[in-house]
């Protein structure tokens, strides 16, 4: 009777915890990237552009359609946190081109023993010059180092991305796109590994049956 009562109490506690998790929207058993359903992107530390990078990262993660992005941290299964910034700098290029030449001229003459005279002349042309260029180009360099943590503070996934800008997007937008691309690749890799492992386990169990 006491054992039954203990089991009943344990069942109620588990049911209560599950109900609380449903109300909050969070999954209490988040141990891998595949368990994450809802993400909250926390404010990023860094420079003045960290807030802008956060917005770009939110948009890029949402575009993967792998997770629900929430504005309420208490509803999230995992929190993305870290540091980011976008800094502007000036790149300078200096070139020098030199062209050199030379000019000379003169005459010569001679008289033979018989009194005949002969002579001539010669000449040459030379020139020189130089050309220099000083070019300044303003560029941006963005970076983000982020990690995805569950409610217990365990790191489930992390990445660091940098960019000087892509052909059709700026440095910050390119960093955000790289983060979304990386998490999508890693999600697929973990999913493929888990699927392969489950299939292998099924074959092993079937083979060991009498």
C-alpha atoms as a PDB file:
ATOM      1  CA  UNK A   1       0.000   0.000   0.000  1.00  0.00           C
ATOM      2  CA  UNK A   2       2.831   2.384   0.911  1.00  0.00           C
ATOM      3  CA  UNK A   3       4.595   1.523  -2.357  1.00  0.00           C
ATOM      4  CA  UNK A   4       1.436   2.309  -4.322  1.00  0.00           C
ATOM      5  CA  UNK A   5       1.066   5.628  -2.524  1.00  0.00           C
ATOM      6  CA  UNK A   6       4.680   6.569  -3.291  1.00  0.00           C
ATOM      7  CA  UNK A   7       4.208   5.708  -6.955  1.00  0.00           C
ATOM      8  CA  UNK A   8       1.030   7.776  -7.097  1.00  0.00           C
ATOM      9  CA  UNK A   9       2.782  10.790  -5.551  1.00  0.00           C
ATOM     10  CA  UNK A  10       5.714  10.407  -7.952  1.00  0.00           C
ATOM     11  CA  UNK A  11       3.320  10.259 -10.874  1.00  0.00           C
ATOM     12  CA  UNK A  12       1.576  13.441  -9.734  1.00  0.00           C
ATOM     13  CA  UNK A  13       4.903  15.243  -9.398  1.00  0.00           C
ATOM     14  CA  UNK A  14       5.974  14.233 -12.903  1.00  0.00           C
ATOM     15  CA  UNK A  15       2.579  15.217 -14.292  1.00  0.00           C
ATOM     16  CA  UNK A  16       2.780  18.570 -12.518  1.00  0.00           C
ATOM     17  CA  UNK A  17       6.261  19.265 -13.912  1.00  0.00           C
ATOM     18  CA  UNK A  18       5.127  18.395 -17.417  1.00  0.00           C
ATOM     19  CA  UNK A  19       2.049  20.608 -17.078  1.00  0.00           C
ATOM     20  CA  UNK A  20       4.194  23.512 -15.872  1.00  0.00           C
ATOM     21  CA  UNK A  21       6.525  23.050 -18.848  1.00  0.00           C
ATOM     22  CA  UNK A  22       3.539  23.111 -21.209  1.00  0.00           C
ATOM     23  CA  UNK A  23       2.273  26.323 -19.652  1.00  0.00           C
ATOM     24  CA  UNK A  24       5.668  28.017 -19.985  1.00  0.00           C
ATOM     25  CA  UNK A  25       6.194  26.673 -23.494  1.00  0.00           C
ATOM     26  CA  UNK A  26       9.600  25.237 -22.576  1.00  0.00           C
ATOM     27  CA  UNK A  27      10.729  21.643 -22.949  1.00  0.00           C
ATOM     28  CA  UNK A  28      12.216  20.328 -19.679  1.00  0.00           C
ATOM     29  CA  UNK A  29      14.325  17.696 -21.445  1.00  0.00           C
ATOM     30  CA  UNK A  30      16.586  19.716 -23.752  1.00  0.00           C
ATOM     31  CA  UNK A  31      19.876  17.852 -24.061  1.00  0.00           C
ATOM     32  CA  UNK A  32      20.810  18.167 -27.735  1.00  0.00           C
ATOM     33  CA  UNK A  33      20.256  20.538 -30.617  1.00  0.00           C
ATOM     34  CA  UNK A  34      17.423  18.331 -31.881  1.00  0.00           C
ATOM     35  CA  UNK A  35      15.482  18.891 -28.639  1.00  0.00           C
ATOM     36  CA  UNK A  36      15.367  22.653 -29.169  1.00  0.00           C
ATOM     37  CA  UNK A  37      12.025  23.892 -30.467  1.00  0.00           C
ATOM     38  CA  UNK A  38      11.911  27.501 -29.290  1.00  0.00           C
ATOM     39  CA  UNK A  39      14.847  29.958 -29.034  1.00  0.00           C
ATOM     40  CA  UNK A  40      15.225  33.288 -27.302  1.00  0.00           C
ATOM     41  CA  UNK A  41      18.053  35.494 -28.600  1.00  0.00           C
ATOM     42  CA  UNK A  42      19.448  37.427 -25.643  1.00  0.00           C
ATOM     43  CA  UNK A  43      20.947  40.924 -26.012  1.00  0.00           C
ATOM     44  CA  UNK A  44      24.533  40.568 -27.232  1.00  0.00           C
ATOM     45  CA  UNK A  45      27.520  42.195 -25.574  1.00  0.00           C
ATOM     46  CA  UNK A  46      30.050  44.115 -27.654  1.00  0.00           C
ATOM     47  CA  UNK A  47      30.105  47.465 -29.393  1.00  0.00           C
ATOM     48  CA  UNK A  48      27.426  49.856 -30.546  1.00  0.00           C
ATOM     49  CA  UNK A  49      26.373  47.595 -33.429  1.00  0.00           C
ATOM     50  CA  UNK A  50      25.637  44.566 -31.230  1.00  0.00           C
ATOM     51  CA  UNK A  51      21.914  45.381 -31.091  1.00  0.00           C
ATOM     52  CA  UNK A  52      21.689  45.588 -34.880  1.00  0.00           C
ATOM     53  CA  UNK A  53      23.495  42.266 -35.235  1.00  0.00           C
ATOM     54  CA  UNK A  54      21.035  40.697 -32.786  1.00  0.00           C
ATOM     55  CA  UNK A  55      18.105  41.735 -34.987  1.00  0.00           C
ATOM     56  CA  UNK A  56      19.815  40.336 -38.072  1.00  0.00           C
ATOM     57  CA  UNK A  57      20.569  37.051 -36.290  1.00  0.00           C
ATOM     58  CA  UNK A  58      16.919  36.749 -35.201  1.00  0.00           C
ATOM     59  CA  UNK A  59      15.758  37.224 -38.791  1.00  0.00           C
ATOM     60  CA  UNK A  60      18.299  34.743 -40.158  1.00  0.00           C
ATOM     61  CA  UNK A  61      17.462  32.050 -37.576  1.00  0.00           C
ATOM     62  CA  UNK A  62      13.769  32.481 -38.257  1.00  0.00           C
ATOM     63  CA  UNK A  63      14.366  31.993 -41.978  1.00  0.00           C
ATOM     64  CA  UNK A  64      15.716  28.459 -41.360  1.00  0.00           C
ATOM     65  CA  UNK A  65      12.231  27.344 -40.173  1.00  0.00           C
ATOM     66  CA  UNK A  66      13.935  24.940 -37.751  1.00  0.00           C
ATOM     67  CA  UNK A  67      12.925  26.813 -34.589  1.00  0.00           C
ATOM     68  CA  UNK A  68      10.314  29.168 -33.231  1.00  0.00           C
ATOM     69  CA  UNK A  69      11.951  32.461 -32.234  1.00  0.00           C
ATOM     70  CA  UNK A  70      10.334  33.932 -29.128  1.00  0.00           C
ATOM     71  CA  UNK A  71      10.630  37.343 -27.471  1.00  0.00           C
ATOM     72  CA  UNK A  72       9.919  35.811 -24.042  1.00  0.00           C
ATOM     73  CA  UNK A  73      12.881  34.068 -22.460  1.00  0.00           C
ATOM     74  CA  UNK A  74      10.703  32.028 -20.069  1.00  0.00           C
ATOM     75  CA  UNK A  75       8.978  30.334 -23.027  1.00  0.00           C
ATOM     76  CA  UNK A  76      12.235  29.278 -24.685  1.00  0.00           C
ATOM     77  CA  UNK A  77      13.831  25.831 -24.650  1.00  0.00           C
ATOM     78  CA  UNK A  78      17.240  27.422 -25.170  1.00  0.00           C
ATOM     79  CA  UNK A  79      18.842  30.865 -25.148  1.00  0.00           C
ATOM     80  CA  UNK A  80      21.302  32.167 -27.738  1.00  0.00           C
ATOM     81  CA  UNK A  81      23.823  34.495 -26.095  1.00  0.00           C
ATOM     82  CA  UNK A  82      27.269  35.894 -26.825  1.00  0.00           C
ATOM     83  CA  UNK A  83      29.120  38.913 -28.210  1.00  0.00           C
ATOM     84  CA  UNK A  84      29.097  40.720 -31.550  1.00  0.00           C
ATOM     85  CA  UNK A  85      30.187  43.945 -33.209  1.00  0.00           C
ATOM     86  CA  UNK A  86      30.633  45.666 -36.562  1.00  0.00           C
ATOM     87  CA  UNK A  87      33.587  48.039 -36.893  1.00  0.00           C
ATOM     88  CA  UNK A  88      34.420  50.392 -39.760  1.00  0.00           C
ATOM     89  CA  UNK A  89      37.994  50.954 -40.907  1.00  0.00           C
ATOM     90  CA  UNK A  90      39.837  52.573 -43.801  1.00  0.00           C
ATOM     91  CA  UNK A  91      41.977  50.496 -46.149  1.00  0.00           C
ATOM     92  CA  UNK A  92      44.741  52.476 -47.919  1.00  0.00           C
ATOM     93  CA  UNK A  93      46.477  51.615 -51.214  1.00  0.00           C
ATOM     94  CA  UNK A  94      49.593  53.480 -52.503  1.00  0.00           C
ATOM     95  CA  UNK A  95      51.152  52.891 -55.941  1.00  0.00           C
ATOM     96  CA  UNK A  96      54.069  54.562 -57.759  1.00  0.00           C
ATOM     97  CA  UNK A  97      54.992  54.334 -61.459  1.00  0.00           C
ATOM     98  CA  UNK A  98      58.288  55.758 -62.830  1.00  0.00           C
ATOM     99  CA  UNK A  99      59.303  56.312 -66.497  1.00  0.00           C
ATOM    100  CA  UNK A 100      62.906  57.426 -67.315  1.00  0.00           C
ATOM    101  CA  UNK A 101      64.613  58.502 -70.578  1.00  0.00           C
ATOM    102  CA  UNK A 102      67.766  60.208 -71.904  1.00  0.00           C
ATOM    103  CA  UNK A 103      68.627  62.628 -74.729  1.00  0.00           C
ATOM    104  CA  UNK A 104      72.020  63.457 -76.184  1.00  0.00           C
ATOM    105  CA  UNK A 105      73.573  64.757 -79.447  1.00  0.00           C
ATOM    106  CA  UNK A 106      76.778  65.871 -81.064  1.00  0.00           C
ATOM    107  CA  UNK A 107      78.844  66.355 -84.241  1.00  0.00           C
ATOM    108  CA  UNK A 108      82.045  64.928 -85.541  1.00  0.00           C
ATOM    109  CA  UNK A 109      84.368  65.781 -88.467  1.00  0.00           C
ATOM    110  CA  UNK A 110      87.711  64.818 -90.025  1.00  0.00           C
ATOM    111  CA  UNK A 111      90.118  66.064 -92.720  1.00  0.00           C
ATOM    112  CA  UNK A 112      92.144  63.643 -94.822  1.00  0.00           C
ATOM    113  CA  UNK A 113      95.761  64.085 -95.892  1.00  0.00           C
ATOM    114  CA  UNK A 114      94.565  65.268 -99.293  1.00  0.00           C
ATOM    115  CA  UNK A 115      92.426  67.973 -97.743  1.00  0.00           C
ATOM    116  CA  UNK A 116      89.043  66.258 -98.033  1.00  0.00           C
ATOM    117  CA  UNK A 117      86.660  66.901 -95.221  1.00  0.00           C
ATOM    118  CA  UNK A 118      84.015  64.635 -93.855  1.00  0.00           C
ATOM    119  CA  UNK A 119      81.671  64.923 -90.899  1.00  0.00           C
ATOM    120  CA  UNK A 120      78.329  64.035 -89.428  1.00  0.00           C
ATOM    121  CA  UNK A 121      76.211  64.259 -86.368  1.00  0.00           C
ATOM    122  CA  UNK A 122      74.281  62.168 -83.938  1.00  0.00           C
ATOM    123  CA  UNK A 123      71.473  62.720 -81.481  1.00  0.00           C
ATOM    124  CA  UNK A 124      69.214  60.968 -79.003  1.00  0.00           C
ATOM    125  CA  UNK A 125      66.071  61.639 -77.013  1.00  0.00           C
ATOM    126  CA  UNK A 126      65.280  60.709 -73.447  1.00  0.00           C
ATOM    127  CA  UNK A 127      62.339  61.478 -71.152  1.00  0.00           C
ATOM    128  CA  UNK A 128      61.302  60.736 -67.615  1.00  0.00           C
ATOM    129  CA  UNK A 129      58.267  60.972 -65.350  1.00  0.00           C
ATOM    130  CA  UNK A 130      56.488  59.421 -62.419  1.00  0.00           C
ATOM    131  CA  UNK A 131      52.878  58.804 -61.450  1.00  0.00           C
ATOM    132  CA  UNK A 132      51.529  57.944 -57.993  1.00  0.00           C
ATOM    133  CA  UNK A 133      48.079  56.948 -56.717  1.00  0.00           C
ATOM    134  CA  UNK A 134      46.700  57.143 -53.178  1.00  0.00           C
ATOM    135  CA  UNK A 135      43.392  55.300 -52.723  1.00  0.00           C
ATOM    136  CA  UNK A 136      41.364  55.051 -49.537  1.00  0.00           C
ATOM    137  CA  UNK A 137      38.482  52.575 -49.225  1.00  0.00           C
ATOM    138  CA  UNK A 138      36.118  52.447 -46.268  1.00  0.00           C
ATOM    139  CA  UNK A 139      35.221  48.907 -45.156  1.00  0.00           C
ATOM    140  CA  UNK A 140      33.353  47.093 -42.384  1.00  0.00           C
ATOM    141  CA  UNK A 141      34.464  44.069 -40.368  1.00  0.00           C
ATOM    142  CA  UNK A 142      31.810  42.224 -38.363  1.00  0.00           C
ATOM    143  CA  UNK A 143      32.061  39.287 -35.983  1.00  0.00           C
ATOM    144  CA  UNK A 144      29.827  37.281 -33.662  1.00  0.00           C
ATOM    145  CA  UNK A 145      30.660  34.588 -31.111  1.00  0.00           C
ATOM    146  CA  UNK A 146      27.435  32.963 -29.936  1.00  0.00           C
ATOM    147  CA  UNK A 147      26.373  29.878 -27.981  1.00  0.00           C
ATOM    148  CA  UNK A 148      23.050  28.115 -27.471  1.00  0.00           C
ATOM    149  CA  UNK A 149      22.377  27.102 -23.857  1.00  0.00           C
ATOM    150  CA  UNK A 150      19.547  25.159 -22.226  1.00  0.00           C
ATOM    151  CA  UNK A 151      17.811  26.104 -18.980  1.00  0.00           C
ATOM    152  CA  UNK A 152      20.534  24.398 -16.929  1.00  0.00           C
ATOM    153  CA  UNK A 153      23.235  26.506 -18.586  1.00  0.00           C
ATOM    154  CA  UNK A 154      24.692  23.642 -20.615  1.00  0.00           C
ATOM    155  CA  UNK A 155      26.081  24.712 -23.989  1.00  0.00           C
ATOM    156  CA  UNK A 156      24.305  22.773 -26.743  1.00  0.00           C
ATOM    157  CA  UNK A 157      25.917  24.513 -29.710  1.00  0.00           C
ATOM    158  CA  UNK A 158      28.326  27.355 -30.463  1.00  0.00           C
ATOM    159  CA  UNK A 159      29.963  29.111 -33.388  1.00  0.00           C
ATOM    160  CA  UNK A 160      32.176  32.104 -34.219  1.00  0.00           C
ATOM    161  CA  UNK A 161      31.725  33.907 -37.531  1.00  0.00           C
ATOM    162  CA  UNK A 162      33.524  36.858 -39.145  1.00  0.00           C
ATOM    163  CA  UNK A 163      32.972  38.789 -42.360  1.00  0.00           C
ATOM    164  CA  UNK A 164      34.241  41.753 -44.351  1.00  0.00           C
ATOM    165  CA  UNK A 165      31.032  41.719 -46.338  1.00  0.00           C
ATOM    166  CA  UNK A 166      29.735  39.609 -49.197  1.00  0.00           C
ATOM    167  CA  UNK A 167      28.913  40.484 -52.801  1.00  0.00           C
ATOM    168  CA  UNK A 168      25.276  41.308 -52.165  1.00  0.00           C
ATOM    169  CA  UNK A 169      25.166  42.005 -48.409  1.00  0.00           C
ATOM    170  CA  UNK A 170      27.052  43.903 -45.743  1.00  0.00           C
ATOM    171  CA  UNK A 171      29.375  42.490 -43.110  1.00  0.00           C
ATOM    172  CA  UNK A 172      26.759  42.275 -40.326  1.00  0.00           C
ATOM    173  CA  UNK A 173      24.128  40.654 -42.540  1.00  0.00           C
ATOM    174  CA  UNK A 174      26.720  38.169 -43.806  1.00  0.00           C
ATOM    175  CA  UNK A 175      27.707  37.178 -40.245  1.00  0.00           C
ATOM    176  CA  UNK A 176      24.034  36.605 -39.340  1.00  0.00           C
ATOM    177  CA  UNK A 177      23.529  34.501 -42.474  1.00  0.00           C
ATOM    178  CA  UNK A 178      26.641  32.433 -41.659  1.00  0.00           C
ATOM    179  CA  UNK A 179      25.341  31.719 -38.141  1.00  0.00           C
ATOM    180  CA  UNK A 180      21.990  30.540 -39.478  1.00  0.00           C
ATOM    181  CA  UNK A 181      23.707  28.435 -42.137  1.00  0.00           C
ATOM    182  CA  UNK A 182      26.028  26.828 -39.575  1.00  0.00           C
ATOM    183  CA  UNK A 183      23.259  25.897 -37.136  1.00  0.00           C
ATOM    184  CA  UNK A 184      21.224  24.418 -39.997  1.00  0.00           C
ATOM    185  CA  UNK A 185      24.210  22.310 -41.098  1.00  0.00           C
ATOM    186  CA  UNK A 186      24.900  21.107 -37.547  1.00  0.00           C
ATOM    187  CA  UNK A 187      21.208  20.362 -36.948  1.00  0.00           C
ATOM    188  CA  UNK A 188      21.107  18.213 -40.074  1.00  0.00           C
ATOM    189  CA  UNK A 189      24.365  16.474 -39.098  1.00  0.00           C
ATOM    190  CA  UNK A 190      23.049  15.582 -35.619  1.00  0.00           C
ATOM    191  CA  UNK A 191      19.716  14.465 -37.069  1.00  0.00           C
ATOM    192  CA  UNK A 192      21.455  12.264 -39.632  1.00  0.00           C
ATOM    193  CA  UNK A 193      23.719  10.723 -36.990  1.00  0.00           C
ATOM    194  CA  UNK A 194      20.789  10.002 -34.686  1.00  0.00           C
ATOM    195  CA  UNK A 195      18.739   8.476 -37.494  1.00  0.00           C
ATOM    196  CA  UNK A 196      21.657   6.287 -38.570  1.00  0.00           C
ATOM    197  CA  UNK A 197      22.265   5.189 -34.969  1.00  0.00           C
ATOM    198  CA  UNK A 198      18.597   4.279 -34.461  1.00  0.00           C
ATOM    199  CA  UNK A 199      18.542   2.246 -37.678  1.00  0.00           C
ATOM    200  CA  UNK A 200      21.724   0.409 -36.690  1.00  0.00           C
ATOM    201  CA  UNK A 201      20.290  -0.385 -33.249  1.00  0.00           C
ATOM    202  CA  UNK A 202      17.097  -1.766 -34.826  1.00  0.00           C
ATOM    203  CA  UNK A 203      19.089  -4.034 -37.133  1.00  0.00           C
ATOM    204  CA  UNK A 204      21.209  -5.248 -34.210  1.00  0.00           C
ATOM    205  CA  UNK A 205      18.154  -6.086 -32.088  1.00  0.00           C
ATOM    206  CA  UNK A 206      16.511  -7.888 -34.994  1.00  0.00           C
ATOM    207  CA  UNK A 207      19.657  -9.909 -35.621  1.00  0.00           C
ATOM    208  CA  UNK A 208      19.921 -11.034 -31.993  1.00  0.00           C
ATOM    209  CA  UNK A 209      16.355 -12.294 -31.760  1.00  0.00           C
ATOM    210  CA  UNK A 210      16.131 -16.125 -31.733  1.00  0.00           C
END
